[in-house]
Each structure stands twice: as C-alpha cells, then as structure tokens.
N, C-alpha and C. Protein backbone atom coordinates (compact mmCIF):
# COMPACT_ATOMS: atom_id res chain seq x y z
N MET A 1 117.59 202.64 33.03
CA MET A 1 118.75 202.26 34.08
C MET A 1 118.18 201.85 35.38
N LYS A 2 117.01 202.49 35.67
CA LYS A 2 116.41 201.96 37.00
C LYS A 2 115.90 200.50 37.06
N LEU A 3 115.32 200.53 35.65
CA LEU A 3 114.69 198.88 35.48
C LEU A 3 115.85 197.99 35.74
N ILE A 4 116.98 198.18 35.16
CA ILE A 4 117.97 197.49 34.94
C ILE A 4 118.33 197.02 36.64
N LYS A 5 118.55 197.94 37.42
CA LYS A 5 118.70 197.97 38.72
C LYS A 5 117.65 196.97 39.33
N ILE A 6 116.40 197.41 39.14
CA ILE A 6 115.50 196.42 39.86
C ILE A 6 115.53 194.87 39.42
N VAL A 7 115.74 194.78 38.06
CA VAL A 7 115.72 193.22 37.83
C VAL A 7 117.19 192.73 38.15
N PHE A 8 118.18 193.33 38.44
CA PHE A 8 119.37 192.98 39.27
C PHE A 8 119.18 192.52 40.45
N TYR A 9 118.36 193.38 41.18
CA TYR A 9 118.25 193.17 42.59
C TYR A 9 117.44 191.89 42.76
N VAL A 10 116.43 191.86 41.81
CA VAL A 10 115.59 190.52 41.95
C VAL A 10 116.06 189.13 41.51
N VAL A 11 116.99 189.09 40.49
CA VAL A 11 117.63 187.95 39.98
C VAL A 11 118.63 187.51 40.75
N ALA A 12 119.55 188.65 41.21
CA ALA A 12 120.81 188.33 41.68
C ALA A 12 120.64 187.23 42.99
N PRO A 13 119.88 187.70 44.02
CA PRO A 13 119.65 186.65 45.03
C PRO A 13 119.11 185.25 44.75
N ILE A 14 118.46 185.27 43.42
CA ILE A 14 117.96 184.00 43.05
C ILE A 14 119.07 183.24 42.59
N LEU A 15 120.05 183.87 41.83
CA LEU A 15 121.17 183.22 41.23
C LEU A 15 122.17 182.65 42.36
N VAL A 16 122.33 183.58 43.16
CA VAL A 16 123.14 183.22 44.54
C VAL A 16 122.71 181.97 45.29
N PHE A 17 121.20 182.06 45.44
CA PHE A 17 120.65 181.03 46.18
C PHE A 17 121.07 179.64 45.40
N GLY A 18 120.66 179.67 44.10
CA GLY A 18 120.76 178.46 43.16
C GLY A 18 122.26 177.99 42.92
N LEU A 19 123.21 178.87 42.98
CA LEU A 19 124.55 178.49 42.86
C LEU A 19 124.99 177.73 44.25
N SER A 20 124.42 178.39 45.45
CA SER A 20 125.19 177.74 46.50
C SER A 20 124.37 176.53 46.98
N THR A 21 123.10 176.11 46.45
CA THR A 21 122.36 174.86 46.62
C THR A 21 123.05 173.98 45.73
N TYR A 22 123.54 174.46 44.45
CA TYR A 22 124.23 173.39 43.63
C TYR A 22 125.63 172.95 44.37
N LEU A 23 126.22 174.02 44.69
CA LEU A 23 127.86 173.80 45.12
C LEU A 23 127.63 172.68 46.25
N THR A 24 126.63 173.05 47.39
CA THR A 24 126.38 172.32 48.54
C THR A 24 126.06 170.92 48.13
N ILE A 25 124.99 170.87 47.24
CA ILE A 25 125.00 169.32 46.92
C ILE A 25 125.90 168.54 46.22
N SER A 26 126.61 169.15 45.56
CA SER A 26 127.69 168.70 44.90
C SER A 26 128.84 168.09 45.86
N LEU A 27 129.16 169.14 46.70
CA LEU A 27 130.13 168.87 47.49
C LEU A 27 129.73 167.42 48.65
N LEU A 28 128.23 167.54 48.98
CA LEU A 28 127.88 166.38 49.68
C LEU A 28 127.97 165.01 49.05
N LEU A 29 127.70 165.27 47.66
CA LEU A 29 127.71 163.97 46.98
C LEU A 29 129.08 163.41 46.66
N LYS A 30 130.01 164.61 46.61
CA LYS A 30 131.42 164.20 46.33
C LYS A 30 131.81 163.40 47.46
N PHE A 31 131.68 164.00 48.58
CA PHE A 31 132.49 163.60 50.15
C PHE A 31 131.63 162.15 50.71
N GLN A 32 130.24 162.10 50.31
CA GLN A 32 129.46 161.16 50.58
C GLN A 32 130.05 159.53 50.59
N GLN A 33 129.98 158.91 51.65
CA GLN A 33 130.88 157.60 51.17
C GLN A 33 129.75 156.42 50.96
N THR A 34 130.06 155.73 49.86
CA THR A 34 129.25 154.73 49.31
C THR A 34 129.77 153.31 49.69
N THR A 35 129.07 152.34 49.31
CA THR A 35 129.45 150.97 49.53
C THR A 35 128.69 150.02 48.41
N VAL A 36 129.12 148.83 48.39
CA VAL A 36 128.40 147.67 47.47
C VAL A 36 127.62 146.80 48.37
N CYS A 37 126.21 146.93 47.94
CA CYS A 37 125.28 146.01 48.60
C CYS A 37 125.39 144.56 48.32
N PRO A 38 125.90 143.81 49.44
CA PRO A 38 126.06 142.45 49.09
C PRO A 38 125.02 141.64 48.86
N ASP A 39 125.13 140.50 48.43
CA ASP A 39 124.07 139.38 48.08
C ASP A 39 123.85 138.67 49.09
N VAL A 40 122.61 138.91 49.87
CA VAL A 40 122.33 138.07 51.24
C VAL A 40 121.17 137.20 50.67
N ARG A 41 120.69 136.86 49.50
CA ARG A 41 119.66 135.71 49.43
C ARG A 41 120.29 134.51 49.62
N GLY A 42 119.47 133.58 50.08
CA GLY A 42 119.87 132.30 50.34
C GLY A 42 120.84 132.08 51.62
N LYS A 43 120.85 133.42 52.30
CA LYS A 43 121.68 133.33 53.52
C LYS A 43 120.70 133.43 54.95
N THR A 44 121.13 133.08 56.04
CA THR A 44 120.34 133.06 57.19
C THR A 44 120.29 134.50 57.57
N VAL A 45 119.37 135.03 58.29
CA VAL A 45 119.08 136.36 58.70
C VAL A 45 120.70 136.73 59.51
N GLU A 46 120.99 135.78 60.59
CA GLU A 46 122.09 136.02 61.21
C GLU A 46 123.29 136.41 60.51
N ASP A 47 123.62 135.56 59.35
CA ASP A 47 124.66 135.61 58.36
C ASP A 47 124.53 136.76 57.63
N ALA A 48 123.56 137.18 57.09
CA ALA A 48 123.22 138.51 56.41
C ALA A 48 123.35 139.61 57.10
N ARG A 49 122.87 139.71 58.40
CA ARG A 49 123.19 140.88 59.11
C ARG A 49 124.71 141.21 59.52
N GLU A 50 125.31 140.16 59.69
CA GLU A 50 127.00 140.28 59.75
C GLU A 50 127.41 140.76 58.51
N LEU A 51 127.12 140.26 57.48
CA LEU A 51 127.42 140.61 56.07
C LEU A 51 127.44 142.05 55.69
N VAL A 52 125.90 142.69 55.92
CA VAL A 52 125.82 143.92 55.51
C VAL A 52 126.32 145.13 56.51
N LYS A 53 126.68 144.56 57.87
CA LYS A 53 127.10 145.48 58.91
C LYS A 53 128.57 145.54 58.41
N LYS A 54 129.29 144.75 57.70
CA LYS A 54 130.81 144.84 57.46
C LYS A 54 130.87 145.96 56.23
N GLN A 55 129.76 146.10 55.70
CA GLN A 55 129.71 146.76 54.39
C GLN A 55 129.21 148.45 54.88
N GLY A 56 128.80 148.65 56.31
CA GLY A 56 128.49 149.86 56.81
C GLY A 56 126.73 149.90 56.35
N LEU A 57 126.19 148.87 56.42
CA LEU A 57 124.61 148.82 56.21
C LEU A 57 123.78 148.39 57.41
N ALA A 58 122.56 148.38 57.41
CA ALA A 58 121.70 147.77 58.40
C ALA A 58 120.81 146.79 57.67
N LEU A 59 120.30 145.84 58.48
CA LEU A 59 119.38 144.95 58.14
C LEU A 59 117.96 144.89 58.64
N VAL A 60 116.98 144.92 58.08
CA VAL A 60 115.56 144.81 58.49
C VAL A 60 114.84 143.93 57.71
N VAL A 61 114.07 143.07 58.64
CA VAL A 61 113.28 142.12 58.10
C VAL A 61 111.83 142.66 57.78
N LEU A 62 111.46 142.54 56.76
CA LEU A 62 110.03 143.08 56.38
C LEU A 62 108.94 142.23 56.80
N ARG A 63 109.09 140.93 56.43
CA ARG A 63 108.20 139.96 56.77
C ARG A 63 108.58 138.52 56.45
N TYR A 64 107.85 137.72 57.00
CA TYR A 64 108.08 136.23 56.75
C TYR A 64 107.26 135.70 55.72
N GLU A 65 107.58 134.74 54.99
CA GLU A 65 106.36 133.90 54.15
C GLU A 65 106.82 132.69 53.70
N ARG A 66 105.73 131.88 53.80
CA ARG A 66 105.91 130.47 53.53
C ARG A 66 106.51 130.06 52.31
N ARG A 67 107.48 129.45 52.18
CA ARG A 67 108.23 129.00 51.02
C ARG A 67 108.56 127.59 51.07
N ASN A 68 108.13 126.61 50.15
CA ASN A 68 108.54 125.21 50.52
C ASN A 68 109.96 124.94 49.82
N ASP A 69 110.40 125.87 48.92
CA ASP A 69 111.55 125.53 48.44
C ASP A 69 112.85 126.29 49.08
N VAL A 70 112.74 127.00 50.05
CA VAL A 70 113.69 127.68 50.66
C VAL A 70 113.56 127.38 52.17
N PRO A 71 115.00 126.99 52.65
CA PRO A 71 114.82 126.55 53.97
C PRO A 71 114.25 127.64 55.10
N TYR A 72 113.86 127.62 56.24
CA TYR A 72 113.39 128.25 57.52
C TYR A 72 114.45 129.51 57.63
N ASN A 73 114.30 130.35 57.82
CA ASN A 73 115.11 131.63 58.20
C ASN A 73 116.09 132.01 57.12
N HIS A 74 116.09 131.47 56.06
CA HIS A 74 116.79 132.03 54.94
C HIS A 74 115.95 133.08 54.06
N ILE A 75 117.00 134.21 53.71
CA ILE A 75 116.25 135.32 52.92
C ILE A 75 115.75 134.95 51.55
N THR A 76 114.86 135.35 51.12
CA THR A 76 114.35 135.13 49.63
C THR A 76 114.39 136.47 48.68
N VAL A 77 114.08 137.52 49.14
CA VAL A 77 114.04 138.95 48.55
C VAL A 77 114.94 139.66 49.38
N GLN A 78 115.46 140.72 48.73
CA GLN A 78 116.29 141.89 49.26
C GLN A 78 115.99 143.04 48.70
N LYS A 79 116.16 144.17 49.03
CA LYS A 79 116.10 145.53 48.54
C LYS A 79 117.06 146.51 49.52
N PRO A 80 117.98 147.18 48.66
CA PRO A 80 118.36 147.38 47.31
C PRO A 80 118.85 146.06 46.78
N ASP A 81 118.87 145.73 45.84
CA ASP A 81 119.38 144.72 44.86
C ASP A 81 120.88 144.42 45.29
N ALA A 82 121.31 143.24 44.90
CA ALA A 82 122.60 142.93 45.39
C ALA A 82 123.53 143.45 44.44
N ASN A 83 124.88 143.73 44.81
CA ASN A 83 126.05 144.19 43.86
C ASN A 83 125.78 145.47 43.23
N ILE A 84 124.97 146.40 43.88
CA ILE A 84 124.75 147.84 43.38
C ILE A 84 125.46 148.84 44.43
N SER A 85 126.07 149.75 43.99
CA SER A 85 126.41 150.87 44.75
C SER A 85 125.29 151.58 45.56
N THR A 86 125.50 151.79 46.88
CA THR A 86 124.55 152.38 47.74
C THR A 86 125.19 153.37 48.74
N LYS A 87 124.55 154.08 49.58
CA LYS A 87 125.03 154.80 50.58
C LYS A 87 125.54 154.31 51.66
N LYS A 88 126.41 154.32 52.62
CA LYS A 88 126.58 153.76 53.80
C LYS A 88 125.54 154.19 54.88
N GLY A 89 125.25 153.40 55.58
CA GLY A 89 124.14 153.57 56.62
C GLY A 89 122.83 153.27 56.08
N ARG A 90 122.71 152.73 54.82
CA ARG A 90 121.20 152.73 54.06
C ARG A 90 120.85 151.32 54.90
N VAL A 91 119.58 151.14 54.88
CA VAL A 91 118.90 149.90 55.19
C VAL A 91 118.55 148.95 54.28
N VAL A 92 119.02 147.65 54.40
CA VAL A 92 118.80 146.71 53.56
C VAL A 92 117.35 146.00 54.08
N TYR A 93 116.35 145.99 53.14
CA TYR A 93 115.31 145.15 53.69
C TYR A 93 115.00 144.04 52.95
N VAL A 94 114.57 143.02 53.92
CA VAL A 94 114.63 141.44 53.24
C VAL A 94 113.08 140.68 53.82
N ILE A 95 112.87 139.83 52.80
CA ILE A 95 111.88 138.91 53.28
C ILE A 95 112.47 137.50 53.64
N VAL A 96 112.00 136.88 54.42
CA VAL A 96 112.55 135.57 55.16
C VAL A 96 111.55 134.50 54.82
N SER A 97 111.98 133.40 54.46
CA SER A 97 111.38 132.03 54.48
C SER A 97 111.09 131.74 55.77
N GLU A 98 109.88 130.82 55.92
CA GLU A 98 109.48 130.53 57.47
C GLU A 98 109.44 128.84 57.21
N GLY A 99 109.71 128.53 56.27
CA GLY A 99 110.02 127.11 56.32
C GLY A 99 110.33 126.64 54.85
N PRO A 100 110.44 125.23 54.67
CA PRO A 100 110.60 124.01 55.69
C PRO A 100 112.03 124.10 56.30
N GLU A 101 112.13 123.38 57.37
CA GLU A 101 113.58 123.19 57.89
C GLU A 101 114.56 122.64 56.95
N LEU A 102 115.78 123.10 57.42
CA LEU A 102 116.92 122.40 56.53
C LEU A 102 117.71 121.33 57.32
N LEU A 103 117.65 120.16 56.75
CA LEU A 103 118.18 118.92 57.53
C LEU A 103 119.36 118.35 56.76
N LYS A 104 119.98 117.51 57.55
CA LYS A 104 121.12 116.82 56.93
C LYS A 104 120.86 115.58 56.72
N THR A 105 120.90 114.67 55.32
CA THR A 105 120.45 113.62 55.03
C THR A 105 120.98 112.56 55.66
N PRO A 106 120.01 111.70 56.46
CA PRO A 106 120.54 110.51 57.15
C PRO A 106 121.20 109.53 56.37
N GLY A 107 121.79 108.56 56.89
CA GLY A 107 122.70 107.46 56.04
C GLY A 107 121.72 106.50 56.36
N PHE A 108 121.27 105.70 54.97
CA PHE A 108 120.40 104.67 54.76
C PHE A 108 121.24 103.43 54.24
N VAL A 109 122.42 103.57 53.97
CA VAL A 109 123.16 102.54 53.71
C VAL A 109 123.36 101.44 54.57
N GLY A 110 122.94 100.37 54.03
CA GLY A 110 123.19 98.99 55.34
C GLY A 110 122.09 98.75 56.05
N LEU A 111 120.93 99.58 55.85
CA LEU A 111 119.46 99.34 56.42
C LEU A 111 118.89 98.52 55.66
N THR A 112 117.91 97.78 55.94
CA THR A 112 116.91 97.18 55.26
C THR A 112 115.79 98.05 54.70
N PRO A 113 115.14 98.07 53.74
CA PRO A 113 114.03 98.81 53.31
C PRO A 113 112.84 99.18 54.62
N GLU A 114 112.61 98.31 55.29
CA GLU A 114 111.86 98.23 56.52
C GLU A 114 112.57 99.24 57.37
N GLU A 115 113.57 99.18 57.77
CA GLU A 115 114.30 99.97 58.69
C GLU A 115 114.67 101.41 58.22
N ALA A 116 114.83 101.58 56.82
CA ALA A 116 114.82 102.75 56.37
C ALA A 116 113.58 103.42 56.20
N ARG A 117 112.34 102.96 56.05
CA ARG A 117 111.12 103.63 56.33
C ARG A 117 110.78 104.18 57.60
N ALA A 118 111.38 103.46 58.57
CA ALA A 118 111.02 104.10 60.04
C ALA A 118 111.93 105.58 60.07
N VAL A 119 113.20 105.41 59.50
CA VAL A 119 114.03 106.66 59.35
C VAL A 119 113.19 107.62 58.38
N PHE A 120 112.61 107.39 57.51
CA PHE A 120 111.96 108.38 56.77
C PHE A 120 110.98 108.97 57.47
N SER A 121 110.18 108.17 58.47
CA SER A 121 108.85 108.71 59.21
C SER A 121 109.45 109.62 60.19
N GLU A 122 110.48 109.33 60.84
CA GLU A 122 111.09 110.19 61.86
C GLU A 122 111.72 111.40 61.58
N LYS A 123 112.37 111.52 60.29
CA LYS A 123 113.20 112.67 60.11
C LYS A 123 112.29 113.62 58.98
N HIS A 124 111.08 113.07 58.72
CA HIS A 124 109.97 114.00 58.11
C HIS A 124 110.53 114.05 56.45
N LEU A 125 110.85 112.71 55.96
CA LEU A 125 111.46 112.81 54.61
C LEU A 125 110.63 111.91 53.58
N VAL A 126 110.79 112.08 52.27
CA VAL A 126 109.90 111.10 51.51
C VAL A 126 110.68 110.24 50.66
N LEU A 127 110.17 108.96 50.50
CA LEU A 127 111.00 108.05 49.90
C LEU A 127 110.35 108.21 48.25
N GLU A 128 111.54 108.46 47.41
CA GLU A 128 110.92 108.98 46.22
C GLU A 128 110.67 107.91 45.26
N LYS A 129 111.59 106.79 45.43
CA LYS A 129 111.45 105.43 44.83
C LYS A 129 112.63 104.49 45.33
N THR A 130 112.34 103.25 44.88
CA THR A 130 113.39 102.31 45.53
C THR A 130 113.81 101.72 44.07
N VAL A 131 115.19 101.63 43.78
CA VAL A 131 115.67 100.97 42.69
C VAL A 131 116.47 99.65 43.13
N MET A 132 115.96 98.40 42.80
CA MET A 132 116.65 96.99 42.82
C MET A 132 118.02 97.06 41.96
N VAL A 133 118.96 96.70 42.37
CA VAL A 133 120.27 96.80 41.81
C VAL A 133 120.84 95.23 42.10
N PRO A 134 121.27 94.20 41.26
CA PRO A 134 122.03 93.05 41.50
C PRO A 134 123.21 93.41 42.35
N HIS A 135 123.09 92.54 43.57
CA HIS A 135 124.32 93.00 44.33
C HIS A 135 124.38 91.86 45.62
N SER A 136 125.63 91.51 46.03
CA SER A 136 126.22 90.76 47.05
C SER A 136 125.10 91.00 48.32
N ARG A 137 124.86 92.15 48.54
CA ARG A 137 124.17 92.62 49.98
C ARG A 137 122.40 92.59 49.62
N VAL A 138 122.04 91.39 49.43
CA VAL A 138 120.66 91.33 48.97
C VAL A 138 119.89 91.70 50.25
N GLY A 139 118.90 92.72 49.86
CA GLY A 139 117.70 93.14 50.92
C GLY A 139 118.31 94.25 51.71
N LYS A 140 119.45 94.96 51.26
CA LYS A 140 120.01 96.00 52.08
C LYS A 140 120.16 97.25 51.00
N VAL A 141 120.05 98.40 51.59
CA VAL A 141 120.32 99.52 50.91
C VAL A 141 121.81 99.57 50.68
N ILE A 142 122.19 99.90 49.35
CA ILE A 142 123.62 99.89 48.98
C ILE A 142 124.08 101.16 48.50
N ALA A 143 123.23 102.01 48.37
CA ALA A 143 123.38 103.56 47.94
C ALA A 143 122.22 104.63 48.04
N GLN A 144 122.46 105.74 48.06
CA GLN A 144 121.32 106.75 48.13
C GLN A 144 121.66 107.94 47.29
N VAL A 145 120.36 108.65 47.10
CA VAL A 145 120.56 109.88 46.48
C VAL A 145 119.56 110.64 47.03
N PRO A 146 119.76 112.02 47.64
CA PRO A 146 121.14 112.74 47.79
C PRO A 146 122.00 111.56 48.99
N ALA A 147 123.28 112.06 49.00
CA ALA A 147 124.27 111.28 49.93
C ALA A 147 124.11 111.75 51.25
N SER A 148 124.44 110.77 52.16
CA SER A 148 124.29 111.02 53.56
C SER A 148 125.01 112.10 53.97
N GLY A 149 124.62 113.01 54.78
CA GLY A 149 125.20 114.17 55.29
C GLY A 149 125.07 115.33 54.34
N SER A 150 124.34 115.42 53.28
CA SER A 150 124.21 116.35 52.48
C SER A 150 122.86 117.11 52.82
N ASP A 151 122.86 118.35 52.77
CA ASP A 151 121.66 119.20 52.86
C ASP A 151 120.71 118.79 52.45
N ILE A 152 119.29 118.93 53.02
CA ILE A 152 118.13 118.59 52.51
C ILE A 152 116.98 119.11 53.02
N LEU A 153 116.02 119.79 52.28
CA LEU A 153 114.86 120.33 52.87
C LEU A 153 113.93 119.25 53.80
N GLU A 154 113.16 119.56 54.78
CA GLU A 154 112.32 118.93 55.29
C GLU A 154 111.08 118.47 54.21
N TYR A 155 110.75 117.10 54.17
CA TYR A 155 109.84 116.56 53.52
C TYR A 155 110.57 116.19 52.00
N GLY A 156 111.92 116.70 52.00
CA GLY A 156 112.54 116.28 50.93
C GLY A 156 112.54 115.05 50.32
N ARG A 157 112.88 114.44 49.05
CA ARG A 157 112.78 113.33 48.47
C ARG A 157 114.19 112.59 48.42
N VAL A 158 114.17 111.14 48.64
CA VAL A 158 115.16 110.45 48.66
C VAL A 158 115.00 108.99 47.80
N THR A 159 116.15 108.83 47.04
CA THR A 159 116.04 107.62 46.33
C THR A 159 116.90 106.47 46.93
N LEU A 160 116.32 105.28 47.09
CA LEU A 160 117.31 104.35 47.78
C LEU A 160 117.70 103.20 46.77
N PHE A 161 118.88 102.61 46.81
CA PHE A 161 119.14 101.42 45.81
C PHE A 161 119.16 100.44 46.78
N VAL A 162 118.59 99.46 46.51
CA VAL A 162 118.43 98.12 47.43
C VAL A 162 119.30 96.85 46.57
N GLY A 163 120.06 96.16 47.19
CA GLY A 163 120.63 94.89 46.56
C GLY A 163 119.59 93.81 46.39
N SER A 164 119.61 93.25 45.01
CA SER A 164 119.00 92.00 44.88
C SER A 164 119.69 90.97 44.37
N ALA A 165 119.16 89.80 44.56
CA ALA A 165 119.95 88.62 44.06
C ALA A 165 120.28 88.65 42.63
N PRO A 166 121.72 88.50 42.19
CA PRO A 166 121.86 88.51 40.61
C PRO A 166 121.25 87.49 39.91
N ARG A 167 120.70 87.83 38.70
CA ARG A 167 119.87 87.01 37.89
C ARG A 167 120.96 86.16 36.81
N SER A 168 120.55 85.04 36.82
CA SER A 168 121.52 84.41 35.61
C SER A 168 120.62 83.93 34.46
N TYR A 169 121.04 83.80 33.24
CA TYR A 169 120.16 83.59 32.02
C TYR A 169 120.65 82.31 31.36
N TYR A 170 119.58 81.73 30.72
CA TYR A 170 119.94 80.38 30.08
C TYR A 170 119.24 80.34 28.85
N LEU A 171 119.69 79.49 27.96
CA LEU A 171 119.17 79.31 26.62
C LEU A 171 118.62 78.12 26.81
N MET A 172 117.02 78.12 26.38
CA MET A 172 116.17 77.04 26.47
C MET A 172 116.76 75.94 25.40
N ALA A 173 116.77 74.52 25.78
CA ALA A 173 117.18 73.45 25.03
C ALA A 173 116.21 73.39 23.82
N ASP A 174 116.66 72.58 22.93
CA ASP A 174 115.83 72.24 21.60
C ASP A 174 115.13 71.07 22.17
N THR A 175 113.80 71.53 22.83
CA THR A 175 112.87 70.25 23.58
C THR A 175 112.33 69.39 22.50
N ARG A 176 112.41 69.61 21.22
CA ARG A 176 111.99 68.63 20.19
C ARG A 176 112.83 67.34 20.23
N ASN A 177 113.95 67.25 20.72
CA ASN A 177 114.84 66.20 20.55
C ASN A 177 115.23 65.74 22.03
N ILE A 178 114.45 66.02 23.10
CA ILE A 178 114.82 65.78 24.43
C ILE A 178 113.63 65.23 25.20
N ASN A 179 113.90 64.03 26.11
CA ASN A 179 112.87 63.40 26.89
C ASN A 179 112.57 64.61 27.86
N TYR A 180 111.35 64.68 28.28
CA TYR A 180 110.80 65.90 29.27
C TYR A 180 111.29 65.44 30.82
N ASN A 181 111.68 64.22 31.13
CA ASN A 181 112.31 63.77 32.30
C ASN A 181 113.86 64.21 32.27
N GLU A 182 114.49 63.99 31.20
CA GLU A 182 115.73 64.65 31.11
C GLU A 182 116.06 65.95 31.44
N LEU A 183 115.01 66.77 30.79
CA LEU A 183 114.97 68.12 30.79
C LEU A 183 114.75 68.65 32.27
N ALA A 184 113.84 67.86 32.97
CA ALA A 184 113.44 68.13 34.28
C ALA A 184 114.66 67.89 35.22
N ASP A 185 115.41 66.78 35.21
CA ASP A 185 116.71 66.55 35.75
C ASP A 185 117.72 67.70 35.46
N GLU A 186 117.83 68.16 34.36
CA GLU A 186 118.76 69.42 34.02
C GLU A 186 118.40 70.65 34.72
N LEU A 187 116.90 70.85 34.66
CA LEU A 187 116.67 72.12 35.25
C LEU A 187 116.68 72.02 36.84
N GLU A 188 116.58 70.97 37.34
CA GLU A 188 116.65 70.86 38.90
C GLU A 188 118.26 70.94 39.28
N SER A 189 118.93 70.25 38.38
CA SER A 189 120.40 70.48 38.87
C SER A 189 120.94 71.97 38.64
N LYS A 190 120.29 72.67 38.02
CA LYS A 190 120.83 74.23 37.69
C LYS A 190 119.92 75.20 38.65
N GLY A 191 118.90 74.75 39.44
CA GLY A 191 118.12 75.29 40.50
C GLY A 191 117.09 76.36 39.81
N ILE A 192 116.77 75.77 38.63
CA ILE A 192 115.84 76.39 37.68
C ILE A 192 114.26 75.67 38.15
N ARG A 193 113.35 76.83 38.66
CA ARG A 193 112.11 76.14 38.85
C ARG A 193 111.42 75.85 37.91
N TYR A 194 110.64 74.76 37.87
CA TYR A 194 109.78 74.21 36.91
C TYR A 194 108.55 73.43 37.48
N ARG A 195 107.60 73.12 36.71
CA ARG A 195 106.29 72.35 37.24
C ARG A 195 105.99 71.54 36.09
N ILE A 196 105.50 70.29 36.39
CA ILE A 196 104.85 69.49 35.55
C ILE A 196 103.31 69.35 35.60
N ASN A 197 102.88 69.91 34.65
CA ASN A 197 101.28 70.05 34.56
C ASN A 197 100.56 68.82 33.65
N TYR A 198 99.85 67.74 34.32
CA TYR A 198 99.30 66.76 33.46
C TYR A 198 97.82 67.25 33.32
N ALA A 199 97.82 67.49 31.97
CA ALA A 199 96.46 68.00 31.39
C ALA A 199 95.33 67.20 31.59
N ARG A 200 95.28 65.82 31.54
CA ARG A 200 94.45 65.05 31.95
C ARG A 200 94.05 64.42 33.27
N GLY A 201 95.41 64.99 33.91
CA GLY A 201 94.93 64.83 35.49
C GLY A 201 95.15 63.47 36.02
N ASP A 202 95.60 62.72 35.03
CA ASP A 202 96.15 61.40 35.52
C ASP A 202 97.52 61.03 34.94
N GLN A 203 98.41 60.77 35.94
CA GLN A 203 99.86 60.45 35.50
C GLN A 203 100.02 59.25 34.89
N THR A 204 99.14 58.43 35.18
CA THR A 204 99.31 56.98 34.51
C THR A 204 98.80 56.91 32.97
N ALA A 205 98.06 57.86 32.63
CA ALA A 205 97.32 57.74 31.43
C ALA A 205 98.34 58.02 30.03
N PRO A 206 98.07 57.44 28.99
CA PRO A 206 98.82 57.45 28.11
C PRO A 206 99.13 58.80 27.48
N ARG A 207 100.62 59.25 27.17
CA ARG A 207 101.06 60.45 26.84
C ARG A 207 101.02 60.50 25.18
N ASN A 208 100.26 61.69 24.77
CA ASN A 208 100.13 61.98 23.21
C ASN A 208 101.19 63.06 22.94
N GLY A 209 101.68 63.83 24.01
CA GLY A 209 102.70 64.96 23.65
C GLY A 209 102.96 65.81 24.67
N VAL A 210 104.02 66.56 24.65
CA VAL A 210 104.53 67.43 25.54
C VAL A 210 104.65 68.96 25.04
N ASP A 211 104.45 69.61 25.80
CA ASP A 211 104.87 71.30 25.38
C ASP A 211 105.28 72.07 26.61
N TYR A 212 106.06 73.01 26.33
CA TYR A 212 106.58 73.86 27.37
C TYR A 212 106.34 75.32 27.39
N SER A 213 106.47 75.85 28.49
CA SER A 213 105.89 77.36 28.60
C SER A 213 106.84 78.42 28.11
N ILE A 214 108.11 77.80 27.77
CA ILE A 214 109.03 78.55 27.07
C ILE A 214 109.54 77.86 25.68
N LEU A 215 109.59 78.77 24.77
CA LEU A 215 110.01 77.87 23.55
C LEU A 215 111.39 77.54 23.36
N PRO A 216 111.72 76.63 22.48
CA PRO A 216 113.04 76.21 22.28
C PRO A 216 113.93 77.32 21.91
N ARG A 217 115.19 76.92 22.48
CA ARG A 217 116.21 78.19 22.05
C ARG A 217 115.70 79.61 22.41
N THR A 218 115.11 79.71 23.39
CA THR A 218 114.59 81.16 23.83
C THR A 218 115.48 81.40 25.26
N ILE A 219 116.11 82.59 25.42
CA ILE A 219 116.63 83.10 26.54
C ILE A 219 115.59 83.08 27.72
N PHE A 220 116.03 82.91 28.77
CA PHE A 220 114.78 82.99 30.10
C PHE A 220 115.98 83.23 31.32
N SER A 221 115.17 83.90 32.42
CA SER A 221 115.77 83.98 33.55
C SER A 221 115.59 82.82 34.56
N THR A 222 116.50 82.64 35.33
CA THR A 222 116.50 81.66 36.45
C THR A 222 115.25 81.98 37.43
N THR A 223 114.82 83.07 37.36
CA THR A 223 113.70 83.39 38.41
C THR A 223 112.39 82.97 37.72
N GLU A 224 112.20 82.58 36.27
CA GLU A 224 111.09 82.31 35.81
C GLU A 224 110.62 80.70 35.92
N GLU A 225 109.62 80.31 36.15
CA GLU A 225 109.13 79.09 36.33
C GLU A 225 108.70 78.29 34.86
N ILE A 226 109.29 77.27 34.79
CA ILE A 226 108.97 76.63 33.23
C ILE A 226 108.08 75.65 33.59
N VAL A 227 106.71 75.65 32.83
CA VAL A 227 105.56 74.63 33.17
C VAL A 227 105.79 73.59 31.74
N ILE A 228 106.11 72.53 32.37
CA ILE A 228 105.75 71.37 31.15
C ILE A 228 104.55 70.76 31.22
N ASN A 229 103.80 70.80 30.23
CA ASN A 229 102.38 70.34 30.06
C ASN A 229 102.47 68.88 29.35
N ILE A 230 101.86 68.11 30.03
CA ILE A 230 102.02 66.73 29.47
C ILE A 230 100.37 66.36 29.08
N TYR A 231 100.09 65.87 27.91
CA TYR A 231 98.76 65.78 27.43
C TYR A 231 98.55 64.39 26.84
C-alpha cells in the first residue's frame, strides 16, 4: 500500500504537468491567428512589402544577386513559399535581383535603319535582326517586335521590319525566235537591267551567235541583270 502511494506521488505531478502543457499548447494553437503567405516573386521590393504587410507579415531582404533574366529590384526567391498558411507576424525572407534595368521599348517605326541604330546604342538594347518586307515606305521601319511601349530588359533584343521596294517578276521570252536588239528594247521599256557583252571585244565583228544569262521561259526578278553574250 505504501508502495502504491509512493508511485502515485511520483507519477501524479508528471501527469498534471504533461496535461497542463498539452492543454496550453492546444489553446495557443487554437486561438493563434494565421494568414496565407502571398506570392511576391517577380514584384518590386516596395510592392512586395505592402503586400505582405496587408497579410500581417513582415519582409526582410536576405541579399541581392545578379540575374540577367529578372529586372533590377524584383524578387526572385521567397521563404516561406507562396500560398501556404503561416502565422501572422512571421517574416518573409526574399532574394532580390540587382539587374538589369526594366525599360520601355522605344518606338522605331518611321525611322531609317541608321536612325534606329543610334536609338539602340542610347537605350542599351540589341538589334536581333532586320527583316526586309516589300512596302511602299522603302527604307523605313514599318514594324517592330516587341511593340513600342512594352516592357523590355536592358540589353534586350528587338527585331525590326524595314520596307523594301516591291519586286516584280517576268517570264523570260523564247529567245530562240527573237532578235537580241528587240529583246533589249523590251527589257529597257520595262526597266529591267541588262548588259550586252561582246565576247570578241569588237562590236563590228561578224556575229556567230547569241546567248543569254537567263534561260528561255524562266521566271526572273526585275532586280536581276540579264547579260546578253554576243560572239
């Protein structure tokens, strides 16, 4: 009987302490306020600070790191992760990009390629490629990608579309049944470039034959030069 009393006096305080601790923790957890951690990745530090503040949280920048694909002062990593339940008053730790700058794409439409190159140099952008497109505004930028006013990173790439003279195409005549002088007159009337090459170097020498740089009944562009070889 005495042994039972001794065991009771030893075990009872332990049970009471354990039960009270359990109840205290349960009550604290039950009445502790929680919130959802917002997603601040891709946002500026200032915008992120306001966003977490509304959720009853605080923001601390752990460090800045160089990222060429994320604009300056924009968040790249956060802890705790976004959209998870967390305690109010908790600190959200973030890593922030220190470059490059986020810019607005300037307008190139209407400029000549030379004028556009000056803007590229001034704004720290890169001309990715120039695409020539048949258009009435020859030698002028008629479109661009990305569009004017859109967000672009410093040293970002831009494609320009520049107007070029529309091309016309012709079908080469059957030169076997036509005199080369008649063909030359026809080419000249249509504004097609041609050149007569005297193989013997003497325009007065007898003519044994004529051939052309473009075969009969072949489609060709008006930008091509037809060579008439006389020998």
